[in-house]
Amino acid sequence: MEKIEHLNKLKTQIESMDKHHQVEILKILSKNMCKLNENKSGVYVNMTFLEENILQEMEEYIKYMKEQEENLITTEYQKKEFMDSYFIDKEDKEKETISYSVVNQ
């Protein structure tokens, strides 16, 4: 029963991916000579007959993809922070008016 739950989780993860990443999963399956059933609705794979090393390779790709997405999000956040701190703050400083007062002695 545990294997079926594991395969369902893997299936759900693959279905929720972008098309590009799904194609990469198909490349993994094709490379390993897995039987693929294709029709106009998509490509179907009976995952219950896949060898453990193929499942592991797919899981490694999913893990790699998630790590890359997290890195991208972090990098984009840092980029935004740099833009805000160096360019937006600078523009605000340039718009400020500075007034000087003369002190009589």
N, C-alpha and C. Protein backbone atom coordinates (compact mmCIF):
# COMPACT_ATOMS: atom_id res chain seq x y z
N MET A 1 0.82 -1.19 0.00
CA MET A 1 0.00 0.00 0.00
C MET A 1 0.87 1.26 0.00
N GLU A 2 1.99 1.19 0.68
CA GLU A 2 2.88 2.36 0.77
C GLU A 2 3.41 2.75 -0.61
N LYS A 3 3.71 1.77 -1.45
CA LYS A 3 4.23 2.07 -2.78
C LYS A 3 3.18 2.80 -3.62
N ILE A 4 1.94 2.40 -3.50
CA ILE A 4 0.87 3.06 -4.27
C ILE A 4 0.73 4.51 -3.84
N GLU A 5 0.79 4.78 -2.54
CA GLU A 5 0.72 6.15 -2.04
C GLU A 5 1.91 6.97 -2.55
N HIS A 6 3.06 6.34 -2.56
CA HIS A 6 4.27 7.01 -3.05
C HIS A 6 4.13 7.35 -4.53
N LEU A 7 3.63 6.40 -5.32
CA LEU A 7 3.44 6.63 -6.76
C LEU A 7 2.38 7.71 -7.01
N ASN A 8 1.32 7.72 -6.21
CA ASN A 8 0.30 8.76 -6.35
C ASN A 8 0.87 10.15 -6.05
N LYS A 9 1.71 10.22 -5.03
CA LYS A 9 2.35 11.50 -4.69
C LYS A 9 3.25 11.96 -5.85
N LEU A 10 4.02 11.04 -6.39
CA LEU A 10 4.91 11.34 -7.51
C LEU A 10 4.10 11.78 -8.73
N LYS A 11 3.01 11.10 -9.01
CA LYS A 11 2.13 11.43 -10.13
C LYS A 11 1.56 12.85 -9.97
N THR A 12 1.12 13.17 -8.76
CA THR A 12 0.56 14.50 -8.49
C THR A 12 1.61 15.59 -8.68
N GLN A 13 2.83 15.32 -8.23
CA GLN A 13 3.91 16.29 -8.40
C GLN A 13 4.19 16.53 -9.88
N ILE A 14 4.24 15.47 -10.66
CA ILE A 14 4.53 15.58 -12.09
C ILE A 14 3.40 16.32 -12.81
N GLU A 15 2.16 16.01 -12.45
CA GLU A 15 1.03 16.67 -13.10
C GLU A 15 0.98 18.16 -12.79
N SER A 16 1.49 18.58 -11.65
CA SER A 16 1.44 19.99 -11.27
C SER A 16 2.61 20.80 -11.84
N MET A 17 3.55 20.14 -12.50
CA MET A 17 4.71 20.82 -13.07
C MET A 17 4.36 21.56 -14.35
N ASP A 18 5.24 22.50 -14.71
CA ASP A 18 5.14 23.16 -16.01
C ASP A 18 5.41 22.13 -17.11
N LYS A 19 4.98 22.46 -18.30
CA LYS A 19 5.14 21.55 -19.44
C LYS A 19 6.61 21.21 -19.68
N HIS A 20 7.48 22.22 -19.55
CA HIS A 20 8.91 21.99 -19.78
C HIS A 20 9.45 20.90 -18.86
N HIS A 21 9.07 20.95 -17.60
CA HIS A 21 9.56 19.96 -16.64
C HIS A 21 8.93 18.59 -16.88
N GLN A 22 7.69 18.57 -17.32
CA GLN A 22 7.06 17.30 -17.67
C GLN A 22 7.78 16.65 -18.84
N VAL A 23 8.22 17.45 -19.79
CA VAL A 23 8.98 16.92 -20.94
C VAL A 23 10.29 16.31 -20.45
N GLU A 24 10.91 16.94 -19.47
CA GLU A 24 12.16 16.39 -18.92
C GLU A 24 11.91 15.03 -18.25
N ILE A 25 10.78 14.90 -17.57
CA ILE A 25 10.42 13.61 -16.98
C ILE A 25 10.21 12.57 -18.08
N LEU A 26 9.57 12.98 -19.17
CA LEU A 26 9.38 12.06 -20.30
C LEU A 26 10.71 11.64 -20.90
N LYS A 27 11.67 12.55 -20.93
CA LYS A 27 13.00 12.20 -21.44
C LYS A 27 13.64 11.13 -20.56
N ILE A 28 13.46 11.26 -19.25
CA ILE A 28 14.00 10.25 -18.33
C ILE A 28 13.36 8.89 -18.63
N LEU A 29 12.04 8.91 -18.81
CA LEU A 29 11.33 7.66 -19.10
C LEU A 29 11.75 7.07 -20.46
N SER A 30 11.88 7.93 -21.45
CA SER A 30 12.28 7.46 -22.79
C SER A 30 13.69 6.89 -22.78
N LYS A 31 14.57 7.57 -22.06
CA LYS A 31 15.96 7.13 -21.97
C LYS A 31 16.06 5.72 -21.38
N ASN A 32 15.14 5.42 -20.47
CA ASN A 32 15.14 4.13 -19.80
C ASN A 32 14.22 3.11 -20.48
N MET A 33 13.81 3.42 -21.71
CA MET A 33 13.02 2.51 -22.54
C MET A 33 11.71 2.10 -21.87
N CYS A 34 11.05 3.05 -21.22
CA CYS A 34 9.76 2.77 -20.59
C CYS A 34 8.66 2.81 -21.64
N LYS A 35 7.63 2.02 -21.42
CA LYS A 35 6.50 1.99 -22.35
C LYS A 35 5.63 3.22 -22.09
N LEU A 36 5.45 4.03 -23.14
CA LEU A 36 4.65 5.24 -23.05
C LEU A 36 3.43 5.08 -23.95
N ASN A 37 2.27 5.45 -23.45
CA ASN A 37 1.03 5.44 -24.23
C ASN A 37 0.64 6.89 -24.48
N GLU A 38 0.57 7.25 -25.77
CA GLU A 38 0.29 8.64 -26.11
C GLU A 38 -0.97 8.73 -26.95
N ASN A 39 -1.80 9.73 -26.63
CA ASN A 39 -2.94 10.04 -27.47
C ASN A 39 -3.12 11.56 -27.48
N LYS A 40 -4.22 12.05 -28.02
CA LYS A 40 -4.38 13.50 -28.15
C LYS A 40 -4.56 14.19 -26.78
N SER A 41 -4.86 13.43 -25.75
CA SER A 41 -5.02 14.00 -24.41
C SER A 41 -3.71 14.09 -23.65
N GLY A 42 -2.71 13.38 -24.10
CA GLY A 42 -1.42 13.42 -23.41
C GLY A 42 -0.70 12.09 -23.47
N VAL A 43 0.27 11.95 -22.58
CA VAL A 43 1.08 10.73 -22.50
C VAL A 43 0.77 10.05 -21.18
N TYR A 44 0.58 8.75 -21.23
CA TYR A 44 0.25 7.98 -20.05
C TYR A 44 1.32 6.93 -19.80
N VAL A 45 1.64 6.74 -18.53
CA VAL A 45 2.65 5.77 -18.13
C VAL A 45 2.09 4.96 -16.97
N ASN A 46 2.20 3.64 -17.05
CA ASN A 46 1.83 2.80 -15.93
C ASN A 46 3.03 2.75 -14.99
N MET A 47 2.98 3.55 -13.94
CA MET A 47 4.12 3.70 -13.05
C MET A 47 4.34 2.50 -12.15
N THR A 48 3.36 1.62 -12.03
CA THR A 48 3.53 0.46 -11.15
C THR A 48 4.58 -0.51 -11.66
N PHE A 49 4.87 -0.47 -12.97
CA PHE A 49 5.86 -1.37 -13.53
C PHE A 49 7.24 -0.74 -13.70
N LEU A 50 7.40 0.51 -13.26
CA LEU A 50 8.70 1.17 -13.39
C LEU A 50 9.68 0.62 -12.36
N GLU A 51 10.92 0.50 -12.78
CA GLU A 51 11.96 0.02 -11.87
C GLU A 51 12.28 1.12 -10.85
N GLU A 52 12.81 0.70 -9.73
CA GLU A 52 13.10 1.62 -8.62
C GLU A 52 14.11 2.69 -9.03
N ASN A 53 15.10 2.33 -9.83
CA ASN A 53 16.11 3.32 -10.24
C ASN A 53 15.50 4.42 -11.12
N ILE A 54 14.49 4.09 -11.91
CA ILE A 54 13.82 5.09 -12.75
C ILE A 54 13.01 6.04 -11.87
N LEU A 55 12.30 5.47 -10.90
CA LEU A 55 11.55 6.31 -9.96
C LEU A 55 12.48 7.23 -9.18
N GLN A 56 13.62 6.70 -8.79
CA GLN A 56 14.59 7.49 -8.05
C GLN A 56 15.14 8.63 -8.92
N GLU A 57 15.41 8.34 -10.18
CA GLU A 57 15.91 9.37 -11.09
C GLU A 57 14.86 10.48 -11.29
N MET A 58 13.59 10.10 -11.38
CA MET A 58 12.53 11.09 -11.51
C MET A 58 12.43 11.94 -10.23
N GLU A 59 12.54 11.30 -9.08
CA GLU A 59 12.49 12.03 -7.82
C GLU A 59 13.68 12.99 -7.68
N GLU A 60 14.85 12.57 -8.13
CA GLU A 60 16.02 13.43 -8.09
C GLU A 60 15.83 14.66 -8.97
N TYR A 61 15.21 14.45 -10.14
CA TYR A 61 14.95 15.59 -11.02
C TYR A 61 13.96 16.55 -10.36
N ILE A 62 12.92 16.01 -9.74
CA ILE A 62 11.92 16.85 -9.08
C ILE A 62 12.58 17.63 -7.94
N LYS A 63 13.43 16.98 -7.18
CA LYS A 63 14.14 17.65 -6.08
C LYS A 63 15.04 18.76 -6.65
N TYR A 64 15.76 18.45 -7.72
CA TYR A 64 16.63 19.44 -8.37
C TYR A 64 15.81 20.64 -8.85
N MET A 65 14.67 20.36 -9.48
CA MET A 65 13.82 21.42 -10.00
C MET A 65 13.32 22.33 -8.88
N LYS A 66 12.90 21.74 -7.77
CA LYS A 66 12.41 22.53 -6.64
C LYS A 66 13.52 23.39 -6.04
N GLU A 67 14.72 22.82 -5.92
CA GLU A 67 15.86 23.59 -5.40
C GLU A 67 16.17 24.77 -6.31
N GLN A 68 16.11 24.55 -7.62
CA GLN A 68 16.37 25.63 -8.57
C GLN A 68 15.31 26.72 -8.47
N GLU A 69 14.06 26.33 -8.30
CA GLU A 69 12.99 27.32 -8.16
C GLU A 69 13.17 28.13 -6.88
N GLU A 70 13.56 27.47 -5.79
CA GLU A 70 13.81 28.18 -4.54
C GLU A 70 14.98 29.14 -4.69
N ASN A 71 16.04 28.69 -5.36
CA ASN A 71 17.20 29.56 -5.59
C ASN A 71 16.81 30.77 -6.44
N LEU A 72 15.98 30.54 -7.44
CA LEU A 72 15.53 31.63 -8.29
C LEU A 72 14.70 32.64 -7.51
N ILE A 73 13.81 32.16 -6.67
CA ILE A 73 12.99 33.05 -5.85
C ILE A 73 13.87 33.87 -4.92
N THR A 74 14.84 33.22 -4.29
CA THR A 74 15.76 33.92 -3.39
C THR A 74 16.56 34.97 -4.14
N THR A 75 17.07 34.61 -5.31
CA THR A 75 17.86 35.54 -6.11
C THR A 75 17.02 36.72 -6.56
N GLU A 76 15.79 36.47 -6.99
CA GLU A 76 14.90 37.56 -7.40
C GLU A 76 14.57 38.48 -6.23
N TYR A 77 14.39 37.90 -5.05
CA TYR A 77 14.13 38.72 -3.86
C TYR A 77 15.34 39.60 -3.55
N GLN A 78 16.54 39.01 -3.59
CA GLN A 78 17.76 39.79 -3.34
C GLN A 78 17.93 40.88 -4.37
N LYS A 79 17.64 40.58 -5.62
CA LYS A 79 17.72 41.57 -6.70
C LYS A 79 16.79 42.74 -6.41
N LYS A 80 15.56 42.43 -6.01
CA LYS A 80 14.59 43.48 -5.69
C LYS A 80 15.08 44.32 -4.51
N GLU A 81 15.63 43.67 -3.51
CA GLU A 81 16.15 44.40 -2.35
C GLU A 81 17.28 45.34 -2.76
N PHE A 82 18.18 44.88 -3.61
CA PHE A 82 19.27 45.72 -4.09
C PHE A 82 18.74 46.89 -4.90
N MET A 83 17.78 46.60 -5.76
CA MET A 83 17.19 47.68 -6.57
C MET A 83 16.54 48.72 -5.67
N ASP A 84 15.80 48.26 -4.68
CA ASP A 84 15.13 49.18 -3.77
C ASP A 84 16.13 50.01 -2.97
N SER A 85 17.16 49.38 -2.48
CA SER A 85 18.09 50.08 -1.60
C SER A 85 19.04 51.01 -2.37
N TYR A 86 19.42 50.66 -3.58
CA TYR A 86 20.39 51.47 -4.30
C TYR A 86 19.78 52.45 -5.28
N PHE A 87 18.65 52.13 -5.86
CA PHE A 87 18.11 52.99 -6.90
C PHE A 87 16.88 53.76 -6.44
N ILE A 88 15.97 53.15 -5.77
CA ILE A 88 14.77 53.85 -5.33
C ILE A 88 15.12 54.83 -4.21
N ASP A 89 15.94 54.41 -3.25
CA ASP A 89 16.36 55.32 -2.19
C ASP A 89 17.14 56.50 -2.75
N LYS A 90 17.97 56.25 -3.75
CA LYS A 90 18.76 57.31 -4.36
C LYS A 90 17.84 58.33 -5.05
N GLU A 91 16.82 57.85 -5.75
CA GLU A 91 15.88 58.76 -6.41
C GLU A 91 15.15 59.60 -5.37
N ASP A 92 14.78 59.01 -4.25
CA ASP A 92 14.10 59.76 -3.20
C ASP A 92 15.01 60.83 -2.63
N LYS A 93 16.29 60.54 -2.48
CA LYS A 93 17.24 61.50 -1.94
C LYS A 93 17.42 62.67 -2.91
N GLU A 94 17.41 62.38 -4.20
CA GLU A 94 17.58 63.44 -5.19
C GLU A 94 16.38 64.37 -5.21
N LYS A 95 15.21 63.91 -4.86
CA LYS A 95 14.00 64.72 -4.87
C LYS A 95 13.87 65.57 -3.62
N GLU A 96 14.61 65.24 -2.59
CA GLU A 96 14.52 66.00 -1.35
C GLU A 96 15.07 67.40 -1.57
N THR A 97 14.45 68.36 -0.94
CA THR A 97 14.98 69.72 -0.99
C THR A 97 15.75 69.98 0.29
N ILE A 98 16.87 70.58 0.09
CA ILE A 98 17.72 70.88 1.23
C ILE A 98 17.69 72.39 1.42
N SER A 99 17.44 72.81 2.62
CA SER A 99 17.45 74.25 2.90
C SER A 99 18.54 74.58 3.89
N TYR A 100 19.16 75.72 3.64
CA TYR A 100 20.24 76.16 4.51
C TYR A 100 19.80 77.46 5.17
N SER A 101 20.17 77.63 6.36
CA SER A 101 19.87 78.89 7.01
C SER A 101 21.18 79.54 7.45
N VAL A 102 21.17 80.83 7.37
CA VAL A 102 22.37 81.58 7.75
C VAL A 102 22.18 82.04 9.19
N VAL A 103 23.20 81.82 9.96
CA VAL A 103 23.15 82.22 11.35
C VAL A 103 23.97 83.50 11.48
N ASN A 104 23.35 84.58 11.98
CA ASN A 104 24.07 85.83 12.21
C ASN A 104 24.86 85.77 13.49
N GLN A 105 26.02 86.31 13.40
CA GLN A 105 26.86 86.31 14.61
C GLN A 105 26.96 87.68 15.16
